[in-house]
Amino acid sequence: MSDIEEQLSSMRDDEITDAIAAFRIIKDRATRLEEEYKTELANRLEDGGTRTATLNGSPVATISKTRSTIGKGLTVKDRLAYAQWLVDTMGDDAPVYPVPYPKDTAMQPSYLKQLGEQHGVELDAKNNVTNIPGLKYDAGREATVRTSLDRRAVEAIWASTQLPAQARYLLDNGGEL
């Protein structure tokens, strides 16, 4: 059992809940501060420039600014949407291939269910249907834990002088946002 697992096993639900909220508050604050600092450093560094970050005198990271690139101009993001626009705009003169495409009725859940019952459905490890090309099985998703913060309470916490040392560091070195 890891140290964290051992610690968690001795905590009450309300303590875990409070910790999750605190972690989220600190994470959100740190994310905002990181973005602000990155923007400032990007203004100071040349493309391809690097800096070494140190904590307590030891190098812990290399921070670099990527080189900019020259864009390609217009590119095709969705071939089918573009093809449809070409046909709508140019009619029979449109430079498109005639391609079979399923009608909306063939993509309805009831139709797909019936098709699966008639032909059987074989799935691989990633839920891809292996015997009917182009289909995937959607098994849904597991329930998750979601954190919704009370923004006013968060502001009050950051204004508080009762924060632990790690949280104070984020506030003292980031100022008010």
Protein backbone atom coordinates (compact mmCIF):
# COMPACT_ATOMS: atom_id res chain seq x y z
CA MET A 1 0.00 0.00 0.00
CA SER A 2 1.41 3.41 -1.00
CA ASP A 3 1.67 6.33 1.43
CA ILE A 4 -1.23 8.07 -0.29
CA GLU A 5 -3.42 4.95 -0.19
CA GLU A 6 -2.61 4.52 3.48
CA GLN A 7 -3.46 8.15 4.21
CA LEU A 8 -6.71 7.94 2.22
CA SER A 9 -7.82 4.78 4.01
CA SER A 10 -7.77 6.64 7.33
CA MET A 11 -9.63 9.73 6.08
CA ARG A 12 -13.35 10.45 6.43
CA ASP A 13 -15.43 11.27 3.35
CA ASP A 14 -15.73 14.94 4.35
CA GLU A 15 -11.92 15.19 4.66
CA ILE A 16 -11.45 13.70 1.19
CA THR A 17 -14.13 16.01 -0.21
CA ASP A 18 -12.48 19.06 1.36
CA ALA A 19 -9.08 17.99 0.01
CA ILE A 20 -10.45 17.56 -3.53
CA ALA A 21 -11.89 21.08 -3.41
CA ALA A 22 -8.59 22.49 -2.06
CA PHE A 23 -6.60 20.71 -4.78
CA ARG A 24 -8.93 22.10 -7.45
CA ILE A 25 -8.63 25.64 -6.06
CA ILE A 26 -4.84 25.42 -6.04
CA LYS A 27 -4.73 23.77 -9.48
CA ASP A 28 -6.95 26.48 -11.04
CA ARG A 29 -4.86 29.22 -9.46
CA ALA A 30 -1.61 27.59 -10.54
CA THR A 31 -2.91 27.17 -14.10
CA ARG A 32 -3.85 30.84 -14.31
CA LEU A 33 -0.48 31.91 -12.89
CA GLU A 34 1.41 29.57 -15.20
CA GLU A 35 -0.33 31.02 -18.26
CA GLU A 36 0.42 34.60 -17.14
CA TYR A 37 4.08 33.74 -16.54
CA LYS A 38 4.38 31.88 -19.85
CA THR A 39 2.96 34.86 -21.71
CA GLU A 40 5.47 37.19 -20.07
CA LEU A 41 8.41 34.85 -20.76
CA ALA A 42 7.28 34.41 -24.38
CA ASN A 43 7.52 38.19 -24.76
CA ARG A 44 11.07 38.14 -23.41
CA LEU A 45 12.50 35.09 -25.22
CA GLU A 46 13.52 34.83 -28.86
CA ASP A 47 12.04 31.95 -30.86
CA GLY A 48 13.96 28.81 -29.88
CA GLY A 49 15.29 30.42 -26.69
CA THR A 50 15.56 28.41 -23.49
CA ARG A 51 15.92 29.00 -19.77
CA THR A 52 16.70 26.62 -16.93
CA ALA A 53 14.32 26.70 -14.00
CA THR A 54 15.73 26.08 -10.52
CA LEU A 55 14.08 25.44 -7.18
CA ASN A 56 16.22 25.65 -4.05
CA GLY A 57 19.28 26.05 -6.27
CA SER A 58 18.74 22.80 -8.19
CA PRO A 59 17.78 22.71 -11.88
CA VAL A 60 14.32 21.18 -12.20
CA ALA A 61 13.18 22.05 -15.72
CA THR A 62 14.11 23.58 -19.03
CA ILE A 63 11.60 26.09 -20.33
CA SER A 64 11.78 26.95 -24.00
CA LYS A 65 9.96 28.96 -26.61
CA THR A 66 9.21 27.05 -29.79
CA ARG A 67 10.06 28.47 -33.16
CA SER A 68 7.17 29.96 -35.07
CA THR A 69 6.18 28.43 -38.40
CA ILE A 70 4.82 29.82 -41.62
CA GLY A 71 1.22 28.78 -42.08
CA LYS A 72 0.03 26.80 -45.10
CA GLY A 73 -2.88 29.11 -45.83
CA LEU A 74 -6.17 27.39 -46.53
CA THR A 75 -6.26 23.66 -45.82
CA VAL A 76 -9.08 21.11 -45.95
CA LYS A 77 -10.31 20.18 -42.47
CA ASP A 78 -13.43 18.18 -43.39
CA ARG A 79 -13.36 16.61 -46.86
CA LEU A 80 -17.03 15.74 -46.90
CA ALA A 81 -18.21 19.21 -45.89
CA TYR A 82 -15.87 20.76 -48.45
CA ALA A 83 -17.06 18.36 -51.16
CA GLN A 84 -20.67 19.24 -50.40
CA TRP A 85 -19.87 22.96 -50.63
CA LEU A 86 -18.15 22.40 -54.00
CA VAL A 87 -21.22 20.55 -55.33
CA ASP A 88 -23.59 23.20 -53.94
CA THR A 89 -21.49 25.98 -55.47
CA MET A 90 -20.40 24.47 -58.80
CA GLY A 91 -23.00 21.83 -59.48
CA ASP A 92 -22.01 19.13 -61.99
CA ASP A 93 -18.69 20.90 -62.67
CA ALA A 94 -17.51 20.39 -59.09
CA PRO A 95 -14.16 18.57 -58.82
CA VAL A 96 -15.47 15.77 -56.54
CA TYR A 97 -15.62 11.96 -56.64
CA PRO A 98 -18.98 10.23 -56.63
CA VAL A 99 -18.84 8.48 -53.26
CA PRO A 100 -21.41 6.20 -51.61
CA TYR A 101 -22.45 7.71 -48.30
CA PRO A 102 -24.99 6.33 -45.83
CA LYS A 103 -28.33 8.11 -45.62
CA ASP A 104 -29.40 9.56 -42.27
CA THR A 105 -31.80 6.63 -41.74
CA ALA A 106 -28.89 4.18 -42.01
CA MET A 107 -27.14 5.98 -39.14
CA GLN A 108 -30.07 5.99 -36.71
CA PRO A 109 -29.58 3.93 -33.51
CA SER A 110 -32.64 1.75 -34.27
CA TYR A 111 -31.36 0.91 -37.75
CA LEU A 112 -27.87 0.15 -36.46
CA LYS A 113 -29.30 -2.07 -33.72
CA GLN A 114 -31.34 -4.04 -36.25
CA LEU A 115 -28.28 -4.35 -38.51
CA GLY A 116 -26.23 -5.64 -35.59
CA GLU A 117 -28.88 -8.23 -34.74
CA GLN A 118 -29.04 -9.42 -38.38
CA HIS A 119 -25.29 -9.64 -38.97
CA GLY A 120 -23.87 -10.06 -35.49
CA VAL A 121 -21.35 -7.63 -34.08
CA GLU A 122 -17.72 -8.54 -33.50
CA LEU A 123 -15.71 -6.12 -31.37
CA ASP A 124 -11.99 -5.63 -30.86
CA ALA A 125 -10.34 -4.38 -27.65
CA LYS A 126 -11.10 -0.74 -28.52
CA ASN A 127 -14.80 -1.43 -29.25
CA ASN A 128 -14.27 -1.14 -33.00
CA VAL A 129 -16.72 -3.29 -34.94
CA THR A 130 -14.55 -5.65 -36.97
CA ASN A 131 -17.15 -7.22 -39.28
CA ILE A 132 -19.01 -4.04 -40.39
CA PRO A 133 -16.49 -1.37 -41.50
CA GLY A 134 -16.97 2.16 -40.22
CA LEU A 135 -18.88 1.30 -37.05
CA LYS A 136 -17.79 1.54 -33.43
CA TYR A 137 -19.59 0.33 -30.34
CA ASP A 138 -20.25 3.04 -27.75
CA ALA A 139 -20.45 1.37 -24.34
CA GLY A 140 -20.98 4.64 -22.48
CA ARG A 141 -18.63 5.78 -19.76
CA GLU A 142 -18.00 5.22 -16.10
CA ALA A 143 -19.32 7.70 -13.57
CA THR A 144 -16.76 10.31 -12.52
CA VAL A 145 -16.29 12.67 -9.61
CA ARG A 146 -16.78 16.30 -10.60
CA THR A 147 -15.76 19.38 -8.63
CA SER A 148 -17.80 22.58 -8.88
CA LEU A 149 -16.24 25.44 -6.97
CA ASP A 150 -18.07 28.33 -5.32
CA ARG A 151 -16.17 31.24 -6.89
CA ARG A 152 -16.94 33.64 -4.04
CA ALA A 153 -15.64 31.17 -1.48
CA VAL A 154 -12.51 30.64 -3.58
CA GLU A 155 -11.85 34.38 -3.71
CA ALA A 156 -12.23 34.55 0.07
CA ILE A 157 -9.76 31.68 0.52
CA TRP A 158 -7.14 33.39 -1.64
CA ALA A 159 -7.61 36.59 0.34
CA SER A 160 -7.18 34.67 3.60
CA THR A 161 -3.98 34.77 5.61
CA GLN A 162 -4.74 31.34 7.06
CA LEU A 163 -3.49 29.38 4.05
CA PRO A 164 -0.90 26.60 4.36
CA ALA A 165 2.65 27.47 3.29
CA GLN A 166 2.34 25.78 -0.13
CA ALA A 167 -0.83 27.70 -0.95
CA ARG A 168 0.65 30.97 0.40
CA TYR A 169 3.55 30.55 -2.03
CA LEU A 170 1.11 30.56 -4.95
CA LEU A 171 -0.60 33.70 -3.66
CA ASP A 172 2.51 35.60 -2.57
CA ASN A 173 4.32 34.91 -5.82
CA GLY A 174 1.36 35.51 -8.06
CA GLY A 175 -0.41 38.52 -6.62
CA GLU A 176 -4.08 39.09 -7.15
CA LEU A 177 -5.72 37.80 -10.31
